[in-house]
Amino acid sequence: MLRSSLPRESWNLPCPQSPVAILKHLGNHTPSDPSSCSLPHDTNIPIQQTVIKGWLDPVVASKIHFTKTTEDMEAFIPKENIPKELGGSEDWTYTYVEPIPNENAPAGDQARRNMLQSTREEQIRRYEAATRAWIASGEAGESPAAERRAISKELATGYWEMDKYLRARTLYDRTGVLLPNGEVNFYNYKKEKAGAVETSEDDID
């Protein structure tokens, strides 16, 4: 089971048949990204845990947890998010959701897209200028640093404002996993089963 730092919640992703491969990938390419990786008890690991950890970057190795029981996994992942086949209560079945008519209509609004693109390009120029000022100011650069952080938030918000004008909708959009503001929530389907209302930012923990 992988738990990602983006978002900071459990991701119910079974490790592949070769756990060594995924762990080496984490160590080589994303050592600071996962907050933890839990290998469930039914994963066929051909060699001892200590040997596997010895191959990894120390930062990654400190985040790897070998679990033998469902109770062990519950230390890292809520039981309701552990699949039933691993002893949890997560009873999710994949269902393909057909495209919604006109779901990609905003992509045809070229005028709006161009306006947002121009705004973003200006934000990038401001961000680069603030970064240069921050570097040049040294230890006394709190003001440039604050300006740089503020612009970075504008860039993040602006990216998702542009999203529907650039990217076709996918299954993740239709099922509420990927929200319009970029938040990811794999468990929105539970709200739908309970008769949840339209998703908004207030629904995000």
Protein backbone atom coordinates (compact mmCIF):
# COMPACT_ATOMS: atom_id res chain seq x y z
CA MET A 1 0.00 0.00 0.00
CA LEU A 2 1.35 3.41 -0.89
CA ARG A 3 0.57 6.56 1.00
CA SER A 4 1.48 9.73 -0.87
CA SER A 5 2.31 13.16 0.48
CA LEU A 6 0.08 14.68 -2.21
CA PRO A 7 -2.55 14.58 -0.72
CA ARG A 8 -1.49 13.65 2.79
CA GLU A 9 -3.84 10.70 3.08
CA SER A 10 -3.74 6.97 2.43
CA TRP A 11 -3.74 5.91 -1.20
CA ASN A 12 -5.15 2.41 -1.67
CA LEU A 13 -2.67 1.27 -4.30
CA PRO A 14 -1.59 -2.40 -4.06
CA CYS A 15 2.15 -2.74 -4.59
CA PRO A 16 3.05 -4.54 -7.84
CA GLN A 17 4.20 -8.16 -7.90
CA SER A 18 7.78 -6.96 -7.69
CA PRO A 19 7.96 -4.76 -4.56
CA VAL A 20 11.69 -4.41 -5.06
CA ALA A 21 11.08 -2.63 -8.37
CA ILE A 22 8.71 -0.03 -6.89
CA LEU A 23 10.95 0.57 -3.88
CA LYS A 24 14.01 1.09 -6.07
CA HIS A 25 11.98 3.50 -8.21
CA LEU A 26 11.05 5.51 -5.10
CA GLY A 27 14.66 5.62 -4.01
CA ASN A 28 15.99 6.65 -7.41
CA HIS A 29 13.35 9.14 -8.51
CA THR A 30 11.09 10.33 -5.68
CA PRO A 31 12.89 9.84 -2.34
CA SER A 32 11.12 12.74 -0.62
CA ASP A 33 7.60 12.29 -2.06
CA PRO A 34 5.91 9.30 -0.35
CA SER A 35 5.19 9.73 3.33
CA SER A 36 5.18 5.95 3.71
CA CYS A 37 5.00 2.66 1.83
CA SER A 38 3.45 -0.33 3.55
CA LEU A 39 3.98 -3.79 2.03
CA PRO A 40 1.04 -6.05 3.03
CA HIS A 41 1.46 -9.52 4.44
CA ASP A 42 0.34 -11.34 1.30
CA THR A 43 2.95 -9.68 -0.92
CA ASN A 44 5.45 -12.29 -2.09
CA ILE A 45 8.79 -10.83 -1.05
CA PRO A 46 11.56 -13.23 -2.10
CA ILE A 47 14.29 -11.84 0.15
CA GLN A 48 14.54 -10.56 3.67
CA GLN A 49 13.33 -7.13 4.65
CA THR A 50 16.72 -5.95 5.84
CA VAL A 51 18.29 -6.75 2.49
CA ILE A 52 15.63 -4.77 0.61
CA LYS A 53 16.05 -1.75 2.87
CA GLY A 54 19.81 -1.93 2.39
CA TRP A 55 19.37 -1.22 -1.30
CA LEU A 56 17.43 1.97 -0.74
CA ASP A 57 18.22 5.57 -0.08
CA PRO A 58 18.15 6.06 3.74
CA VAL A 59 15.33 8.62 3.44
CA VAL A 60 13.18 6.12 1.54
CA ALA A 61 14.17 3.18 3.75
CA SER A 62 12.94 5.04 6.83
CA LYS A 63 9.47 5.21 5.26
CA ILE A 64 9.16 1.53 4.34
CA HIS A 65 7.08 -0.61 6.68
CA PHE A 66 6.64 -4.38 6.26
CA THR A 67 3.27 -5.49 7.63
CA LYS A 68 2.28 -9.06 8.39
CA THR A 69 -1.33 -8.55 9.47
CA THR A 70 -4.26 -6.26 8.78
CA GLU A 71 -3.76 -4.83 12.25
CA ASP A 72 -0.20 -3.90 11.30
CA MET A 73 -1.49 -2.02 8.25
CA GLU A 74 -4.03 -0.15 10.37
CA ALA A 75 -1.12 1.69 11.99
CA PHE A 76 -0.70 3.49 8.67
CA ILE A 77 -4.02 3.16 6.84
CA PRO A 78 -7.57 3.32 8.28
CA LYS A 79 -9.28 -0.07 8.08
CA GLU A 80 -12.10 1.38 5.98
CA ASN A 81 -9.49 2.23 3.32
CA ILE A 82 -7.84 -1.21 3.28
CA PRO A 83 -9.25 -3.49 0.52
CA LYS A 84 -11.36 -6.43 1.67
CA GLU A 85 -8.94 -8.91 0.10
CA LEU A 86 -6.30 -7.62 2.53
CA GLY A 87 -8.58 -7.86 5.54
CA GLY A 88 -10.02 -4.35 5.49
CA SER A 89 -13.54 -3.12 4.85
CA GLU A 90 -12.93 -1.22 1.57
CA ASP A 91 -15.42 -2.85 -0.84
CA TRP A 92 -14.71 -0.89 -4.02
CA THR A 93 -15.33 -2.20 -7.53
CA TYR A 94 -14.03 -0.48 -10.64
CA THR A 95 -16.80 0.88 -12.86
CA TYR A 96 -16.15 2.82 -16.03
CA VAL A 97 -18.14 6.06 -16.27
CA GLU A 98 -18.96 7.09 -19.81
CA PRO A 99 -18.03 10.62 -20.97
CA ILE A 100 -20.62 13.26 -20.17
CA PRO A 101 -22.04 15.20 -23.15
CA ASN A 102 -20.23 18.51 -23.65
CA GLU A 103 -17.87 17.86 -20.74
CA ASN A 104 -15.03 19.25 -22.84
CA ALA A 105 -16.93 22.25 -24.20
CA PRO A 106 -14.71 24.79 -22.33
CA ALA A 107 -11.76 23.62 -24.43
CA GLY A 108 -13.37 25.38 -27.39
CA ASP A 109 -13.39 28.76 -25.65
CA GLN A 110 -10.19 30.06 -27.20
CA ALA A 111 -10.69 33.65 -26.04
CA ARG A 112 -10.95 32.64 -22.38
CA ARG A 113 -7.99 30.29 -22.70
CA ASN A 114 -5.82 32.99 -24.25
CA MET A 115 -6.75 35.46 -21.53
CA LEU A 116 -5.83 32.99 -18.79
CA GLN A 117 -2.61 32.11 -20.59
CA SER A 118 -1.59 35.78 -20.78
CA THR A 119 -2.32 36.20 -17.08
CA ARG A 120 -0.21 33.16 -16.30
CA GLU A 121 2.71 34.38 -18.37
CA GLU A 122 2.66 37.65 -16.44
CA GLN A 123 2.56 35.74 -13.15
CA ILE A 124 5.58 33.73 -14.25
CA ARG A 125 7.52 36.90 -15.03
CA ARG A 126 6.62 38.31 -11.61
CA TYR A 127 7.62 35.06 -9.93
CA GLU A 128 11.00 35.02 -11.66
CA ALA A 129 11.62 38.67 -10.69
CA ALA A 130 10.63 37.95 -7.07
CA THR A 131 12.94 34.93 -7.03
CA ARG A 132 15.88 37.02 -8.24
CA ALA A 133 15.12 39.67 -5.62
CA TRP A 134 14.86 37.00 -2.93
CA ILE A 135 18.25 35.53 -3.86
CA ALA A 136 19.92 38.94 -4.06
CA SER A 137 18.58 40.04 -0.67
CA GLY A 138 20.25 37.19 1.22
CA GLU A 139 19.28 36.70 4.85
CA ALA A 140 17.35 39.98 4.89
CA GLY A 141 15.04 38.80 2.12
CA GLU A 142 11.83 38.16 4.06
CA SER A 143 9.82 40.65 2.02
CA PRO A 144 10.86 39.22 -1.38
CA ALA A 145 10.32 35.73 0.00
CA ALA A 146 6.77 36.59 1.09
CA GLU A 147 6.04 38.10 -2.32
CA ARG A 148 7.41 34.99 -4.00
CA ARG A 149 5.19 32.73 -1.89
CA ALA A 150 2.13 34.84 -2.68
CA ILE A 151 2.81 34.64 -6.42
CA SER A 152 3.38 30.89 -6.21
CA LYS A 153 -0.13 30.55 -4.77
CA GLU A 154 -1.48 32.61 -7.66
CA LEU A 155 0.29 30.25 -10.09
CA ALA A 156 -1.16 27.19 -8.38
CA THR A 157 -4.69 28.60 -8.41
CA GLY A 158 -4.33 29.84 -11.98
CA TYR A 159 -3.20 26.44 -13.19
CA TRP A 160 -6.48 24.84 -12.16
CA GLU A 161 -8.48 27.77 -13.52
CA MET A 162 -6.92 26.99 -16.90
CA ASP A 163 -7.29 23.23 -16.58
CA LYS A 164 -10.73 22.77 -18.16
CA TYR A 165 -9.68 24.92 -21.14
CA LEU A 166 -6.62 22.73 -21.80
CA ARG A 167 -7.29 19.18 -20.63
CA ALA A 168 -9.97 16.71 -21.62
CA ARG A 169 -12.01 15.30 -18.73
CA THR A 170 -11.16 11.80 -17.57
CA LEU A 171 -12.63 9.07 -15.39
CA TYR A 172 -11.07 10.77 -12.36
CA ASP A 173 -13.01 13.96 -13.05
CA ARG A 174 -16.29 12.12 -13.61
CA THR A 175 -16.01 10.11 -10.42
CA GLY A 176 -14.98 13.06 -8.25
CA VAL A 177 -11.49 11.76 -7.51
CA LEU A 178 -9.91 14.84 -9.11
CA LEU A 179 -11.70 18.01 -8.01
CA PRO A 180 -11.80 21.25 -10.03
CA ASN A 181 -9.30 22.93 -7.68
CA GLY A 182 -6.74 20.14 -8.09
CA GLU A 183 -7.47 18.33 -4.84
CA VAL A 184 -7.49 14.53 -5.01
CA ASN A 185 -10.00 12.50 -3.01
CA PHE A 186 -10.23 8.78 -3.73
CA TYR A 187 -13.19 8.34 -1.40
CA ASN A 188 -15.76 10.72 -2.84
CA TYR A 189 -17.67 7.69 -4.12
CA LYS A 190 -18.54 6.89 -0.50
CA LYS A 191 -20.21 10.29 -0.21
CA GLU A 192 -22.16 9.58 -3.40
CA LYS A 193 -23.39 6.28 -1.97
CA ALA A 194 -24.58 8.17 1.09
CA GLY A 195 -26.40 10.73 -1.08
CA ALA A 196 -23.81 13.50 -0.85
CA VAL A 197 -24.52 16.88 -2.37
CA GLU A 198 -22.40 18.61 -5.00
CA THR A 199 -18.70 18.63 -4.17
CA SER A 200 -17.11 21.91 -3.14
CA GLU A 201 -13.92 23.05 -1.41
CA ASP A 202 -15.77 22.73 1.91
CA ASP A 203 -15.89 18.95 1.37
CA ILE A 204 -12.11 18.70 1.51
CA ASP A 205 -10.58 17.78 4.85
